[in-house]
N, C-alpha and C. Protein backbone atom coordinates (compact mmCIF):
# COMPACT_ATOMS: atom_id res chain seq x y z
N MET A 1 0.84 -1.19 0.00
CA MET A 1 0.00 0.00 0.00
C MET A 1 0.88 1.25 0.00
N ALA A 2 0.47 2.24 -0.76
CA ALA A 2 1.26 3.47 -0.91
C ALA A 2 1.25 4.29 0.37
N VAL A 3 2.36 4.98 0.61
CA VAL A 3 2.47 5.91 1.72
C VAL A 3 1.80 7.21 1.28
N LEU A 4 0.88 7.70 2.09
CA LEU A 4 0.13 8.90 1.74
C LEU A 4 0.82 10.15 2.27
N VAL A 5 1.02 11.10 1.35
CA VAL A 5 1.61 12.40 1.67
C VAL A 5 0.59 13.46 1.28
N VAL A 6 0.46 14.49 2.12
CA VAL A 6 -0.45 15.59 1.81
C VAL A 6 0.35 16.86 1.55
N GLY A 7 -0.17 17.69 0.67
CA GLY A 7 0.48 18.95 0.34
C GLY A 7 -0.52 20.08 0.33
N ALA A 8 -0.03 21.28 0.68
CA ALA A 8 -0.88 22.46 0.72
C ALA A 8 -0.45 23.44 -0.37
N ALA A 9 -1.40 23.79 -1.23
CA ALA A 9 -1.19 24.87 -2.19
C ALA A 9 -1.75 26.12 -1.52
N ILE A 10 -0.90 26.77 -0.71
CA ILE A 10 -1.34 27.92 0.08
C ILE A 10 -1.37 29.15 -0.83
N ILE A 11 -2.55 29.76 -0.89
CA ILE A 11 -2.76 30.92 -1.75
C ILE A 11 -3.06 32.14 -0.88
N ALA A 12 -2.36 33.24 -1.16
CA ALA A 12 -2.65 34.52 -0.49
C ALA A 12 -2.47 35.62 -1.52
N ASP A 13 -3.47 36.48 -1.63
CA ASP A 13 -3.42 37.59 -2.60
C ASP A 13 -3.11 37.09 -4.01
N GLY A 14 -3.66 35.93 -4.37
CA GLY A 14 -3.47 35.38 -5.71
C GLY A 14 -2.11 34.77 -5.95
N ARG A 15 -1.30 34.65 -4.90
CA ARG A 15 0.04 34.08 -5.04
C ARG A 15 0.13 32.75 -4.31
N LEU A 16 1.00 31.87 -4.84
CA LEU A 16 1.19 30.52 -4.32
C LEU A 16 2.48 30.46 -3.51
N LEU A 17 2.42 29.82 -2.34
CA LEU A 17 3.62 29.64 -1.52
C LEU A 17 4.37 28.39 -1.97
N ALA A 18 5.62 28.60 -2.36
CA ALA A 18 6.51 27.50 -2.73
C ALA A 18 7.57 27.36 -1.65
N ALA A 19 7.96 26.12 -1.36
CA ALA A 19 8.93 25.84 -0.30
C ALA A 19 10.11 25.06 -0.88
N GLN A 20 11.32 25.50 -0.56
CA GLN A 20 12.53 24.84 -1.07
C GLN A 20 13.01 23.79 -0.07
N ARG A 21 13.11 22.56 -0.53
CA ARG A 21 13.49 21.43 0.34
C ARG A 21 14.91 21.55 0.84
N ALA A 22 15.10 21.16 2.10
CA ALA A 22 16.43 21.12 2.70
C ALA A 22 17.00 19.70 2.67
N GLU A 23 16.11 18.71 2.67
CA GLU A 23 16.53 17.30 2.69
C GLU A 23 15.43 16.44 2.10
N PRO A 24 15.71 15.19 1.79
CA PRO A 24 17.01 14.50 1.79
C PRO A 24 17.92 15.06 0.68
N PRO A 25 19.20 14.69 0.70
CA PRO A 25 20.15 15.27 -0.25
C PRO A 25 19.70 15.21 -1.71
N GLU A 26 19.05 14.10 -2.10
CA GLU A 26 18.65 13.97 -3.52
C GLU A 26 17.51 14.91 -3.90
N LEU A 27 16.81 15.47 -2.93
CA LEU A 27 15.72 16.41 -3.22
C LEU A 27 16.04 17.84 -2.76
N ALA A 28 17.12 18.02 -2.01
CA ALA A 28 17.47 19.33 -1.47
C ALA A 28 17.64 20.35 -2.60
N GLY A 29 17.08 21.53 -2.37
CA GLY A 29 17.17 22.61 -3.35
C GLY A 29 15.97 22.66 -4.29
N GLY A 30 15.25 21.55 -4.42
CA GLY A 30 14.05 21.53 -5.24
C GLY A 30 12.89 22.20 -4.51
N TRP A 31 11.94 22.68 -5.26
CA TRP A 31 10.79 23.38 -4.69
C TRP A 31 9.57 22.48 -4.68
N GLU A 32 8.74 22.65 -3.65
CA GLU A 32 7.61 21.75 -3.43
C GLU A 32 6.46 22.50 -2.75
N PHE A 33 5.36 21.77 -2.60
CA PHE A 33 4.25 22.22 -1.77
C PHE A 33 4.56 21.80 -0.33
N PRO A 34 4.35 22.68 0.65
CA PRO A 34 4.55 22.26 2.04
C PRO A 34 3.60 21.11 2.38
N GLY A 35 4.02 20.25 3.28
CA GLY A 35 3.19 19.12 3.69
C GLY A 35 4.04 17.98 4.17
N GLY A 36 3.44 16.81 4.23
CA GLY A 36 4.19 15.66 4.70
C GLY A 36 3.32 14.43 4.83
N LYS A 37 3.87 13.42 5.49
CA LYS A 37 3.19 12.13 5.62
C LYS A 37 2.00 12.21 6.56
N VAL A 38 0.99 11.43 6.24
CA VAL A 38 -0.19 11.27 7.09
C VAL A 38 0.14 10.19 8.12
N ASP A 39 -0.02 10.52 9.39
CA ASP A 39 0.23 9.55 10.46
C ASP A 39 -0.90 8.55 10.56
N GLU A 40 -0.60 7.37 11.08
CA GLU A 40 -1.61 6.33 11.26
C GLU A 40 -2.76 6.86 12.11
N GLY A 41 -3.99 6.65 11.64
CA GLY A 41 -5.18 7.08 12.36
C GLY A 41 -5.52 8.55 12.18
N GLU A 42 -4.74 9.27 11.37
CA GLU A 42 -4.94 10.70 11.15
C GLU A 42 -5.66 10.91 9.82
N SER A 43 -6.59 11.86 9.77
CA SER A 43 -7.24 12.17 8.49
C SER A 43 -6.30 12.99 7.63
N ASP A 44 -6.55 12.99 6.31
CA ASP A 44 -5.74 13.78 5.38
C ASP A 44 -5.72 15.25 5.80
N ILE A 45 -6.89 15.78 6.10
CA ILE A 45 -7.02 17.20 6.44
C ILE A 45 -6.29 17.52 7.74
N ASP A 46 -6.47 16.68 8.76
CA ASP A 46 -5.77 16.90 10.03
C ASP A 46 -4.25 16.88 9.82
N ALA A 47 -3.78 15.97 8.98
CA ALA A 47 -2.35 15.88 8.69
C ALA A 47 -1.86 17.15 8.00
N LEU A 48 -2.65 17.66 7.07
CA LEU A 48 -2.27 18.86 6.34
C LEU A 48 -2.17 20.07 7.28
N VAL A 49 -3.15 20.22 8.14
CA VAL A 49 -3.14 21.32 9.11
C VAL A 49 -1.93 21.18 10.05
N ARG A 50 -1.69 19.97 10.53
CA ARG A 50 -0.55 19.71 11.42
C ARG A 50 0.77 20.02 10.73
N GLU A 51 0.94 19.51 9.51
CA GLU A 51 2.19 19.70 8.79
C GLU A 51 2.46 21.18 8.51
N CYS A 52 1.44 21.94 8.15
CA CYS A 52 1.62 23.37 7.90
C CYS A 52 2.05 24.10 9.17
N HIS A 53 1.48 23.66 10.30
CA HIS A 53 1.86 24.27 11.58
C HIS A 53 3.30 23.91 11.94
N GLU A 54 3.67 22.63 11.78
CA GLU A 54 5.02 22.19 12.11
C GLU A 54 6.08 22.79 11.19
N GLU A 55 5.80 22.80 9.87
CA GLU A 55 6.80 23.22 8.90
C GLU A 55 6.89 24.73 8.73
N LEU A 56 5.75 25.41 8.89
CA LEU A 56 5.70 26.83 8.55
C LEU A 56 5.29 27.74 9.70
N GLY A 57 4.77 27.14 10.79
CA GLY A 57 4.31 27.94 11.91
C GLY A 57 3.01 28.68 11.65
N VAL A 58 2.19 28.16 10.74
CA VAL A 58 0.92 28.81 10.39
C VAL A 58 -0.26 27.87 10.62
N ILE A 59 -1.44 28.48 10.75
CA ILE A 59 -2.69 27.73 10.77
C ILE A 59 -3.37 28.00 9.44
N VAL A 60 -3.80 26.93 8.77
CA VAL A 60 -4.43 27.08 7.46
C VAL A 60 -5.88 26.61 7.48
N ARG A 61 -6.66 27.18 6.58
CA ARG A 61 -8.01 26.70 6.28
C ARG A 61 -7.88 25.91 4.99
N VAL A 62 -8.30 24.65 5.02
CA VAL A 62 -8.18 23.78 3.86
C VAL A 62 -9.41 23.95 2.98
N GLY A 63 -9.15 24.11 1.68
CA GLY A 63 -10.22 24.32 0.71
C GLY A 63 -10.36 23.15 -0.24
N GLU A 64 -10.52 23.47 -1.51
CA GLU A 64 -10.78 22.50 -2.57
C GLU A 64 -9.58 21.61 -2.83
N ARG A 65 -9.84 20.33 -3.05
CA ARG A 65 -8.76 19.40 -3.40
C ARG A 65 -8.33 19.64 -4.84
N VAL A 66 -7.04 19.52 -5.09
CA VAL A 66 -6.47 19.73 -6.42
C VAL A 66 -6.23 18.36 -7.05
N GLY A 67 -7.08 17.99 -7.99
CA GLY A 67 -6.92 16.71 -8.67
C GLY A 67 -7.14 15.52 -7.76
N GLY A 68 -6.58 14.40 -8.17
CA GLY A 68 -6.74 13.15 -7.43
C GLY A 68 -5.49 12.79 -6.67
N ASP A 69 -5.06 11.55 -6.81
CA ASP A 69 -3.83 11.09 -6.18
C ASP A 69 -2.68 11.30 -7.16
N TRP A 70 -1.65 12.02 -6.71
CA TRP A 70 -0.49 12.33 -7.55
C TRP A 70 0.65 11.39 -7.17
N PRO A 71 1.14 10.57 -8.10
CA PRO A 71 2.21 9.63 -7.77
C PRO A 71 3.54 10.35 -7.52
N LEU A 72 4.25 9.92 -6.48
CA LEU A 72 5.56 10.49 -6.16
C LEU A 72 6.68 9.50 -6.42
N GLY A 73 6.34 8.27 -6.74
CA GLY A 73 7.38 7.25 -6.93
C GLY A 73 7.69 6.57 -5.60
N ASN A 74 8.39 5.46 -5.67
CA ASN A 74 8.77 4.70 -4.47
C ASN A 74 7.59 4.43 -3.54
N ASP A 75 6.45 4.10 -4.11
CA ASP A 75 5.25 3.77 -3.34
C ASP A 75 4.74 4.92 -2.47
N TYR A 76 4.94 6.15 -2.92
CA TYR A 76 4.37 7.33 -2.26
C TYR A 76 3.33 7.94 -3.20
N VAL A 77 2.25 8.46 -2.61
CA VAL A 77 1.24 9.16 -3.38
C VAL A 77 0.89 10.45 -2.62
N MET A 78 0.66 11.54 -3.37
CA MET A 78 0.39 12.83 -2.76
C MET A 78 -1.02 13.30 -3.08
N ARG A 79 -1.66 13.87 -2.08
CA ARG A 79 -2.94 14.54 -2.25
C ARG A 79 -2.73 15.99 -1.86
N VAL A 80 -3.23 16.90 -2.70
CA VAL A 80 -3.00 18.33 -2.50
C VAL A 80 -4.32 19.08 -2.42
N TRP A 81 -4.37 20.05 -1.52
CA TRP A 81 -5.53 20.92 -1.37
C TRP A 81 -5.11 22.37 -1.47
N LEU A 82 -6.01 23.20 -2.00
CA LEU A 82 -5.84 24.64 -1.88
C LEU A 82 -6.01 24.97 -0.40
N ALA A 83 -5.29 25.96 0.08
CA ALA A 83 -5.39 26.36 1.48
C ALA A 83 -5.17 27.86 1.59
N SER A 84 -5.71 28.44 2.65
CA SER A 84 -5.50 29.86 2.92
C SER A 84 -5.03 30.01 4.37
N LEU A 85 -4.34 31.10 4.62
CA LEU A 85 -3.81 31.34 5.96
C LEU A 85 -4.91 31.86 6.88
N ILE A 86 -5.02 31.26 8.06
CA ILE A 86 -5.92 31.77 9.10
C ILE A 86 -5.11 32.62 10.06
N SER A 87 -3.93 32.12 10.45
CA SER A 87 -3.07 32.90 11.34
C SER A 87 -1.62 32.52 11.14
N GLY A 88 -0.75 33.47 11.45
CA GLY A 88 0.68 33.26 11.33
C GLY A 88 1.23 33.73 10.00
N LYS A 89 2.53 33.89 9.98
CA LYS A 89 3.26 34.25 8.75
C LYS A 89 4.23 33.11 8.48
N PRO A 90 4.21 32.53 7.28
CA PRO A 90 5.08 31.37 7.00
C PRO A 90 6.55 31.65 7.32
N GLU A 91 7.15 30.70 8.05
CA GLU A 91 8.57 30.76 8.42
C GLU A 91 9.28 29.53 7.89
N THR A 92 10.57 29.66 7.65
CA THR A 92 11.38 28.53 7.17
C THR A 92 11.87 27.70 8.35
N LYS A 93 10.99 26.84 8.87
CA LYS A 93 11.37 25.97 9.99
C LYS A 93 12.07 24.71 9.50
N GLU A 94 11.62 24.18 8.35
CA GLU A 94 12.19 22.93 7.83
C GLU A 94 12.67 23.06 6.38
N HIS A 95 12.49 24.23 5.79
CA HIS A 95 12.87 24.45 4.39
C HIS A 95 14.04 25.42 4.30
N LEU A 96 14.72 25.41 3.15
CA LEU A 96 15.82 26.35 2.92
C LEU A 96 15.29 27.75 2.67
N ALA A 97 14.16 27.85 1.96
CA ALA A 97 13.59 29.14 1.60
C ALA A 97 12.11 28.97 1.30
N LEU A 98 11.39 30.08 1.37
CA LEU A 98 9.98 30.14 0.96
C LEU A 98 9.86 31.28 -0.03
N ARG A 99 8.93 31.14 -0.95
CA ARG A 99 8.73 32.19 -1.94
C ARG A 99 7.27 32.25 -2.35
N TRP A 100 6.72 33.46 -2.38
CA TRP A 100 5.36 33.66 -2.88
C TRP A 100 5.45 33.93 -4.38
N LEU A 101 4.74 33.13 -5.17
CA LEU A 101 4.82 33.23 -6.63
C LEU A 101 3.48 33.64 -7.23
N ALA A 102 3.49 34.72 -8.00
CA ALA A 102 2.32 35.08 -8.80
C ALA A 102 2.19 34.04 -9.91
N VAL A 103 1.01 33.92 -10.50
CA VAL A 103 0.77 32.89 -11.52
C VAL A 103 1.84 32.92 -12.61
N GLU A 104 2.20 34.12 -13.05
CA GLU A 104 3.20 34.22 -14.13
C GLU A 104 4.62 33.88 -13.65
N GLU A 105 4.81 33.70 -12.35
CA GLU A 105 6.12 33.34 -11.79
C GLU A 105 6.21 31.88 -11.35
N PHE A 106 5.13 31.13 -11.52
CA PHE A 106 5.08 29.75 -11.02
C PHE A 106 6.29 28.91 -11.45
N TYR A 107 6.79 29.13 -12.65
CA TYR A 107 7.86 28.28 -13.16
C TYR A 107 9.23 28.95 -13.05
N ASP A 108 9.32 29.99 -12.21
CA ASP A 108 10.61 30.66 -11.97
C ASP A 108 11.49 29.87 -11.00
N VAL A 109 10.93 28.87 -10.35
CA VAL A 109 11.70 28.03 -9.43
C VAL A 109 11.72 26.60 -9.98
N PRO A 110 12.79 25.85 -9.68
CA PRO A 110 12.87 24.47 -10.16
C PRO A 110 12.07 23.52 -9.25
N TRP A 111 10.79 23.34 -9.60
CA TRP A 111 9.91 22.44 -8.84
C TRP A 111 10.42 21.02 -8.94
N LEU A 112 10.19 20.24 -7.90
CA LEU A 112 10.46 18.81 -7.97
C LEU A 112 9.57 18.23 -9.07
N ALA A 113 10.08 17.26 -9.80
CA ALA A 113 9.36 16.71 -10.95
C ALA A 113 7.95 16.24 -10.58
N ALA A 114 7.80 15.61 -9.43
CA ALA A 114 6.49 15.08 -9.04
C ALA A 114 5.48 16.20 -8.75
N ASP A 115 5.97 17.39 -8.41
CA ASP A 115 5.08 18.51 -8.08
C ASP A 115 4.65 19.30 -9.31
N LEU A 116 5.38 19.19 -10.41
CA LEU A 116 5.07 19.98 -11.61
C LEU A 116 3.64 19.81 -12.12
N PRO A 117 3.11 18.59 -12.24
CA PRO A 117 1.73 18.47 -12.73
C PRO A 117 0.72 19.13 -11.77
N VAL A 118 1.04 19.13 -10.48
CA VAL A 118 0.16 19.77 -9.51
C VAL A 118 0.23 21.28 -9.66
N VAL A 119 1.43 21.80 -9.92
CA VAL A 119 1.59 23.24 -10.16
C VAL A 119 0.70 23.66 -11.34
N LYS A 120 0.72 22.87 -12.40
CA LYS A 120 -0.11 23.16 -13.59
C LYS A 120 -1.59 23.14 -13.22
N ALA A 121 -2.01 22.17 -12.42
CA ALA A 121 -3.41 22.08 -12.00
C ALA A 121 -3.80 23.28 -11.15
N VAL A 122 -2.92 23.73 -10.25
CA VAL A 122 -3.19 24.91 -9.43
C VAL A 122 -3.27 26.15 -10.32
N GLU A 123 -2.35 26.23 -11.28
CA GLU A 123 -2.36 27.35 -12.23
C GLU A 123 -3.72 27.42 -12.95
N ASN A 124 -4.18 26.28 -13.43
CA ASN A 124 -5.48 26.23 -14.13
C ASN A 124 -6.62 26.68 -13.21
N LEU A 125 -6.61 26.23 -11.97
CA LEU A 125 -7.66 26.63 -11.01
C LEU A 125 -7.64 28.13 -10.77
N LEU A 126 -6.46 28.70 -10.61
CA LEU A 126 -6.35 30.14 -10.36
C LEU A 126 -6.74 30.97 -11.57
N ARG A 127 -6.35 30.51 -12.77
CA ARG A 127 -6.69 31.24 -13.99
C ARG A 127 -8.20 31.18 -14.27
N GLU A 128 -8.84 30.09 -13.84
CA GLU A 128 -10.28 29.95 -14.03
C GLU A 128 -11.04 30.81 -13.03
N GLY A 129 -10.35 31.26 -11.99
CA GLY A 129 -10.97 32.16 -11.02
C GLY A 129 -11.57 31.45 -9.87
């Protein structure tokens, strides 16, 4: 059975929060959606809220799901939701850097390959309004 990972496409003022990975070495420097593994007995949404708090120091409101299950390889699958900030300002607790990207800047950072199709789906959702 695949390991479930959740990701947050955090949107504020029409911009998407991108996070630069610090580890593991093979992924370090790549950009991703904040998030992480779902713990046993934890719902996807609870995991997403927890991960955003742990990684970024923020509380998020989870919105619409972006697509279905996104394969990450090595028996990992990712589920992503649009999210908005309820409280806090994102901090780099576990990432090298954070960046707010306007739609036209989405591809200015080198996204991890597995996240690219999700970036496109988020772009489509934002362009559709």
